[in-house]
Protein backbone atom coordinates (compact mmCIF):
# COMPACT_ATOMS: atom_id res chain seq x y z
CA MET A 1 -82.92 -149.64 -66.58
CA LYS A 2 -83.66 -145.85 -67.40
CA VAL A 3 -80.56 -143.94 -68.49
CA VAL A 4 -79.57 -140.19 -69.49
CA ALA A 5 -78.32 -139.87 -73.22
CA LEU A 6 -76.36 -136.57 -74.16
CA LEU A 7 -77.28 -136.04 -77.64
CA SER A 8 -75.19 -133.63 -79.30
CA GLY A 9 -76.12 -133.99 -83.13
CA GLY A 10 -73.27 -135.41 -84.54
CA ILE A 11 -72.98 -139.17 -85.46
CA ASP A 12 -71.75 -141.02 -82.40
CA SER A 13 -74.22 -139.74 -79.93
CA PRO A 14 -77.40 -141.24 -81.67
CA VAL A 15 -75.44 -144.70 -81.99
CA ALA A 16 -74.48 -144.75 -78.63
CA ALA A 17 -78.51 -143.95 -77.44
CA TYR A 18 -79.26 -146.59 -79.75
CA LEU A 19 -77.31 -149.38 -78.31
CA MET A 20 -78.81 -148.71 -75.01
CA LEU A 21 -81.88 -149.02 -76.65
CA ALA A 22 -80.89 -152.47 -77.90
CA LYS A 23 -80.29 -153.46 -74.38
CA GLY A 24 -83.79 -152.73 -72.97
CA ALA A 25 -82.72 -149.25 -71.65
CA SER A 26 -85.45 -146.55 -71.76
CA VAL A 27 -83.80 -143.47 -72.42
CA ILE A 28 -84.00 -139.94 -71.62
CA PRO A 29 -82.29 -137.62 -74.49
CA VAL A 30 -80.59 -134.73 -73.54
CA HIS A 31 -79.37 -132.11 -75.40
CA VAL A 32 -77.11 -129.16 -74.23
CA TYR A 33 -78.52 -126.06 -76.63
CA LEU A 34 -75.83 -124.62 -79.17
CA GLY A 35 -78.71 -123.08 -81.81
CA PRO A 36 -81.89 -123.48 -83.31
CA LYS A 37 -80.39 -125.55 -86.54
CA THR A 38 -78.78 -128.13 -83.98
CA GLU A 39 -81.64 -128.89 -81.88
CA GLU A 40 -83.90 -129.23 -84.82
CA LYS A 41 -81.89 -131.91 -86.01
CA VAL A 42 -81.47 -133.63 -82.76
CA ARG A 43 -85.53 -134.05 -82.28
CA LEU A 44 -85.59 -135.60 -85.59
CA ILE A 45 -82.92 -137.85 -84.37
CA VAL A 46 -85.02 -138.42 -81.20
CA GLU A 47 -88.10 -139.10 -83.36
CA LYS A 48 -86.18 -141.90 -85.46
CA LEU A 49 -84.46 -143.34 -81.98
CA SER A 50 -88.23 -143.84 -80.60
CA GLU A 51 -88.84 -146.47 -83.72
CA TYR A 52 -86.13 -148.40 -81.68
CA GLY A 53 -87.37 -148.37 -78.02
CA ASP A 54 -88.50 -146.26 -74.89
CA VAL A 55 -87.53 -142.77 -75.53
CA SER A 56 -88.51 -139.64 -73.49
CA GLY A 57 -89.13 -136.35 -74.87
CA LEU A 58 -86.21 -133.99 -75.78
CA VAL A 59 -84.72 -132.39 -72.64
CA THR A 60 -82.67 -129.58 -74.12
CA VAL A 61 -80.52 -127.57 -71.68
CA HIS A 62 -79.70 -123.52 -71.88
CA PRO A 63 -76.34 -122.63 -70.76
CA LYS A 64 -76.77 -119.17 -69.80
CA ASP A 65 -73.38 -118.17 -68.92
CA ARG A 66 -71.35 -119.48 -71.88
CA ASP A 67 -70.22 -116.48 -72.97
CA GLU A 68 -68.93 -115.16 -70.11
CA VAL A 69 -66.94 -118.60 -69.40
CA VAL A 70 -65.62 -118.46 -72.48
CA ALA A 71 -64.15 -115.36 -71.93
CA LYS A 72 -62.89 -115.89 -68.70
CA LEU A 73 -60.96 -119.19 -69.97
CA ARG A 74 -59.48 -116.62 -72.33
CA GLU A 75 -58.42 -114.30 -69.95
CA LEU A 76 -56.58 -117.16 -67.58
CA ARG A 77 -54.81 -118.04 -70.74
CA LYS A 78 -56.36 -121.73 -70.42
CA GLU A 79 -58.89 -121.67 -73.66
CA LYS A 80 -56.96 -124.93 -74.35
CA TYR A 81 -59.59 -126.49 -71.52
CA THR A 82 -62.65 -125.25 -73.27
CA CYS A 83 -63.90 -128.69 -74.58
CA VAL A 84 -62.69 -130.20 -71.38
CA LEU A 85 -64.95 -127.94 -69.08
CA CYS A 86 -67.74 -127.76 -71.70
CA LYS A 87 -68.17 -131.64 -71.90
CA PHE A 88 -67.96 -131.55 -67.67
CA ARG A 89 -71.12 -129.14 -67.22
CA MET A 90 -72.45 -131.21 -69.97
CA VAL A 91 -72.32 -134.27 -67.72
CA ARG A 92 -73.22 -132.24 -64.72
CA ALA A 93 -76.43 -131.08 -66.62
CA ALA A 94 -77.15 -134.53 -67.57
CA GLU A 95 -76.68 -135.60 -63.99
CA ALA A 96 -79.05 -133.20 -62.84
CA VAL A 97 -81.72 -134.80 -65.11
CA ALA A 98 -81.07 -138.15 -64.13
CA VAL A 99 -81.46 -137.33 -60.52
CA ARG A 100 -85.61 -135.46 -61.17
CA ARG A 101 -86.10 -138.51 -63.60
CA GLY A 102 -84.79 -141.41 -61.59
CA ALA A 103 -82.31 -142.50 -64.38
CA ARG A 104 -79.52 -144.68 -63.01
CA ALA A 105 -76.69 -144.03 -65.45
CA ILE A 106 -75.43 -141.18 -68.05
CA VAL A 107 -74.84 -142.61 -71.77
CA MET A 108 -72.22 -140.29 -73.73
CA GLY A 109 -70.70 -140.98 -77.60
CA ASP A 110 -67.16 -141.03 -76.42
CA SER A 111 -64.89 -143.18 -78.84
CA ILE A 112 -61.19 -143.13 -77.60
CA GLY A 113 -58.91 -140.66 -79.16
CA GLN A 114 -61.47 -140.03 -81.69
CA VAL A 115 -61.05 -136.13 -81.05
CA ALA A 116 -58.71 -134.12 -78.72
CA SER A 117 -61.40 -134.54 -75.72
CA GLN A 118 -62.05 -137.77 -76.13
CA THR A 119 -58.06 -138.85 -75.10
CA LEU A 120 -58.36 -141.23 -72.06
CA ASP A 121 -56.59 -138.19 -69.66
CA ASN A 122 -59.66 -135.69 -70.55
CA ILE A 123 -62.49 -138.66 -70.32
CA LEU A 124 -60.83 -139.29 -67.00
CA VAL A 125 -61.56 -135.48 -65.96
CA VAL A 126 -64.96 -135.57 -67.51
CA SER A 127 -65.75 -138.59 -65.67
CA ARG A 128 -65.02 -136.40 -62.32
CA ALA A 129 -68.22 -134.51 -62.80
CA THR A 130 -70.46 -137.28 -61.44
CA ARG A 131 -71.51 -139.99 -59.33
CA LEU A 132 -73.24 -141.76 -61.46
CA PRO A 133 -71.92 -144.56 -63.84
CA ILE A 134 -70.97 -143.13 -67.39
CA ILE A 135 -71.63 -145.63 -70.16
CA ARG A 136 -69.44 -145.26 -73.51
CA PRO A 137 -70.72 -147.99 -75.72
CA LEU A 138 -68.87 -146.55 -78.60
CA ILE A 139 -65.65 -146.39 -76.61
CA GLY A 140 -63.90 -148.78 -78.49
CA LEU A 141 -65.06 -148.79 -81.98
CA ASP A 142 -63.58 -146.99 -84.92
CA LYS A 143 -65.62 -144.11 -86.95
CA GLU A 144 -66.08 -146.39 -89.76
CA GLU A 145 -67.89 -148.85 -87.65
CA ILE A 146 -69.71 -146.04 -85.98
CA VAL A 147 -70.51 -144.78 -89.48
CA ALA A 148 -71.84 -148.00 -90.44
CA ILE A 149 -74.63 -148.35 -87.43
CA ALA A 150 -75.82 -144.99 -88.17
CA LYS A 151 -76.03 -145.99 -91.82
CA GLU A 152 -78.02 -149.11 -90.66
CA ILE A 153 -80.58 -147.07 -87.92
CA GLY A 154 -81.45 -144.12 -90.14
CA THR A 155 -79.83 -141.33 -88.07
CA PHE A 156 -76.67 -141.12 -90.45
CA GLU A 157 -78.60 -138.71 -92.77
CA LEU A 158 -79.77 -136.78 -89.73
CA SER A 159 -76.82 -136.50 -88.28
CA THR A 160 -74.99 -134.87 -91.44
CA LEU A 161 -78.01 -132.15 -92.00
CA PRO A 162 -76.66 -128.55 -91.19
CA GLU A 163 -76.13 -127.01 -87.98
CA ASP A 164 -74.96 -124.56 -85.70
CA GLU A 165 -71.08 -124.57 -85.49
CA CYS A 166 -69.65 -123.92 -82.07
CA TRP A 167 -67.66 -120.46 -82.34
CA CYS A 168 -65.85 -121.35 -78.71
CA VAL A 169 -63.61 -124.52 -80.17
CA PRO A 170 -60.08 -123.52 -79.32
CA ARG A 171 -57.31 -123.57 -82.16
CA HIS A 172 -55.31 -125.84 -79.87
CA PRO A 173 -57.48 -128.05 -77.37
CA VAL A 174 -56.02 -129.84 -74.52
CA ILE A 175 -54.53 -133.49 -75.19
CA ARG A 176 -53.58 -134.78 -71.83
CA GLY A 177 -55.85 -132.73 -69.45
CA SER A 178 -54.61 -132.74 -65.59
CA TRP A 179 -57.22 -132.88 -63.06
CA GLU A 180 -55.01 -130.81 -60.88
CA GLU A 181 -55.19 -128.27 -63.45
CA PHE A 182 -58.63 -128.49 -64.33
CA ARG A 183 -59.59 -127.94 -60.32
CA LYS A 184 -57.36 -124.36 -60.51
CA ILE A 185 -59.46 -123.24 -63.51
CA TYR A 186 -62.71 -124.34 -62.63
CA LYS A 187 -62.11 -122.76 -58.99
CA ALA A 188 -60.73 -119.36 -60.84
CA ILE A 189 -63.59 -119.24 -63.14
CA PHE A 190 -66.61 -119.99 -60.71
CA GLY A 191 -65.18 -119.12 -57.15
CA SER A 192 -65.46 -122.96 -56.15
CA GLU A 193 -64.30 -126.22 -56.24
CA PRO A 194 -65.61 -128.54 -58.81
CA GLY A 195 -65.60 -131.34 -56.36
CA GLU A 196 -65.69 -135.03 -57.51
CA GLY A 197 -69.30 -135.82 -58.61
CA ARG A 198 -72.39 -134.90 -56.18
């Protein structure tokens, strides 16, 4: 089984990838570029994960329109949807890699309710970015459980290294995102419907 795993450089996503490796999956790590420090950190995490199974070389995706999209969200006064839209587009990027590389699923480090983009409502919106299954091995774990696994496998120290700060996180992110509202925002920014999967 070949899967694409989105790696942010945080504590959770490497643990999710590790749990898939422990089940015998081949993992293609995908990182959406935020800055050089974070990318280097993710490379170190990928090296550590490769000790546990079949991990391909890191695929880094460079969004070219991030500034423009965030500016449009601000114009629309919908900054609260920034993180949901960002994750939606991350899943789309992961799906594109999966299609090229023959992967059958996307792995994410979501843990229900841990941060604003991981409420059930927002997870439902993000899940509509793809028709591929999204596997969330950490969904029912709390932070302490995830940290314990990260320490055990040696990714915790790497995940807590300095990283580039995301400058576009809104002050008040949406907690209960609506698919209908998200569709309107997406169409206003990109001029087309987001579609439900590809």
